[in-house]
């Protein structure tokens, strides 16, 4: 099973999994995300994926006043894969003192059971 699929199968359980498994890769800036940041990222991801008839361009934004970190999630594409709805989501995360937001792209697909899971990137 590809790593992204394995991570995706665990993420719907709870937001702490997202922080522990880090779907954004090995960028050292990701280590600057606090538990609260991860909670906010997770809440916005769930909100975006669960929006009925979500369309490309929809966004969610979060700010953690304590850490100073903030981010924006943008639904860049809605598509079908193997008969299921999928969302391509761009995560732009800003860190204090860093001039440019860090961008990460993840694809999420809804399972037959209604859960959203990270899937291999579909360009």
Protein backbone atom coordinates (compact mmCIF):
# COMPACT_ATOMS: atom_id res chain seq x y z
CA UNK A 1 0.00 0.00 0.00
CA UNK A 2 1.50 3.41 -0.90
CA UNK A 3 2.48 5.56 2.08
CA UNK A 4 -0.04 8.31 1.20
CA UNK A 5 -2.84 5.75 1.13
CA UNK A 6 -1.75 4.34 4.50
CA UNK A 7 -1.64 7.83 6.01
CA UNK A 8 -5.01 8.65 4.49
CA UNK A 9 -6.63 5.59 5.97
CA UNK A 10 -5.63 6.74 9.46
CA UNK A 11 -6.40 10.45 9.24
CA UNK A 12 -10.18 10.39 9.48
CA UNK A 13 -9.91 8.89 12.97
CA UNK A 14 -8.77 12.14 14.59
CA UNK A 15 -6.77 15.29 13.99
CA UNK A 16 -3.85 14.27 16.26
CA UNK A 17 -3.02 11.56 13.71
CA UNK A 18 -2.45 14.28 11.15
CA UNK A 19 0.13 15.96 13.35
CA UNK A 20 1.89 12.71 14.20
CA UNK A 21 2.06 11.37 10.64
CA UNK A 22 2.58 14.72 8.86
CA UNK A 23 1.10 14.45 5.38
CA UNK A 24 3.08 17.52 4.28
CA UNK A 25 6.42 15.75 4.04
CA UNK A 26 9.80 16.57 5.51
CA UNK A 27 9.86 20.37 5.17
CA UNK A 28 11.46 21.63 8.41
CA UNK A 29 8.90 24.46 8.69
CA UNK A 30 6.15 21.90 9.32
CA UNK A 31 7.80 21.17 12.67
CA UNK A 32 6.76 24.71 13.64
CA UNK A 33 3.09 23.71 13.59
CA UNK A 34 1.64 23.37 17.08
CA UNK A 35 -1.07 20.93 18.14
CA UNK A 36 -3.55 23.79 17.90
CA UNK A 37 -2.36 24.60 14.36
CA UNK A 38 -2.91 20.97 13.34
CA UNK A 39 -6.37 21.03 14.92
CA UNK A 40 -7.27 24.12 12.88
CA UNK A 41 -5.87 22.60 9.67
CA UNK A 42 -7.83 19.42 10.31
CA UNK A 43 -11.10 21.26 11.07
CA UNK A 44 -10.81 23.29 7.87
CA UNK A 45 -9.98 20.18 5.84
CA UNK A 46 -13.04 18.37 7.19
CA UNK A 47 -15.22 21.44 6.61
CA UNK A 48 -14.05 21.85 3.03
CA UNK A 49 -14.42 18.17 2.15
CA UNK A 50 -17.87 17.89 3.72
CA UNK A 51 -19.28 20.93 1.91
CA UNK A 52 -22.07 19.69 -0.38
CA UNK A 53 -21.44 20.60 -4.01
CA UNK A 54 -18.03 22.07 -3.16
CA UNK A 55 -16.48 23.78 -6.18
CA UNK A 56 -12.96 24.73 -7.19
CA UNK A 57 -11.99 28.03 -5.62
CA UNK A 58 -13.66 27.43 -2.25
CA UNK A 59 -11.37 28.33 0.63
CA UNK A 60 -11.01 28.05 4.37
CA UNK A 61 -8.58 30.12 6.43
CA UNK A 62 -7.24 29.71 9.94
CA UNK A 63 -5.05 31.70 12.33
CA UNK A 64 -3.50 30.64 15.61
CA UNK A 65 -2.89 33.79 17.65
CA UNK A 66 -0.68 31.89 20.09
CA UNK A 67 1.78 30.41 17.57
CA UNK A 68 1.43 33.20 15.01
CA UNK A 69 0.99 30.59 12.28
CA UNK A 70 -1.85 30.83 9.79
CA UNK A 71 -3.02 29.08 6.70
CA UNK A 72 -5.41 28.90 3.82
CA UNK A 73 -6.88 25.80 2.19
CA UNK A 74 -8.10 26.10 -1.39
CA UNK A 75 -10.07 23.50 -3.26
CA UNK A 76 -8.30 23.57 -6.63
CA UNK A 77 -10.18 20.80 -8.40
CA UNK A 78 -13.12 18.45 -7.96
CA UNK A 79 -12.88 15.24 -9.97
CA UNK A 80 -14.02 11.64 -10.14
CA UNK A 81 -11.65 8.72 -9.60
CA UNK A 82 -12.83 5.12 -9.68
CA UNK A 83 -16.42 6.29 -9.28
CA UNK A 84 -15.78 8.43 -6.21
CA UNK A 85 -15.61 12.18 -5.69
CA UNK A 86 -12.15 13.60 -5.06
CA UNK A 87 -10.82 17.01 -4.06
CA UNK A 88 -7.42 18.43 -4.89
CA UNK A 89 -6.59 20.79 -2.01
CA UNK A 90 -3.75 23.32 -1.80
CA UNK A 91 -2.55 24.18 1.70
CA UNK A 92 -0.70 27.50 2.04
CA UNK A 93 0.80 27.82 5.52
CA UNK A 94 2.42 31.01 6.78
CA UNK A 95 4.97 31.11 9.57
CA UNK A 96 6.12 34.26 11.42
CA UNK A 97 9.39 35.54 9.98
CA UNK A 98 9.05 33.50 6.78
CA UNK A 99 8.43 35.75 3.76
CA UNK A 100 6.57 33.22 1.61
CA UNK A 101 3.84 30.77 2.63
CA UNK A 102 4.76 27.10 2.29
CA UNK A 103 2.47 25.32 -0.16
CA UNK A 104 1.46 21.68 -0.05
CA UNK A 105 -0.96 19.81 -2.31
CA UNK A 106 -3.01 16.81 -1.24
CA UNK A 107 -5.76 14.87 -2.97
CA UNK A 108 -8.65 13.59 -0.87
CA UNK A 109 -11.22 11.05 -2.10
CA UNK A 110 -14.47 10.06 -0.43
CA UNK A 111 -14.83 6.35 0.25
CA UNK A 112 -18.03 4.37 -0.20
CA UNK A 113 -18.47 4.67 3.59
CA UNK A 114 -18.39 8.48 3.31
CA UNK A 115 -14.94 9.04 4.84
CA UNK A 116 -12.39 11.29 3.15
CA UNK A 117 -8.91 9.84 2.73
CA UNK A 118 -5.67 11.11 1.26
CA UNK A 119 -4.95 9.45 -2.06
CA UNK A 120 -1.93 9.47 -4.36
CA UNK A 121 -1.62 12.80 -6.17
CA UNK A 122 -3.68 12.86 -9.38
CA UNK A 123 -2.37 15.62 -11.66
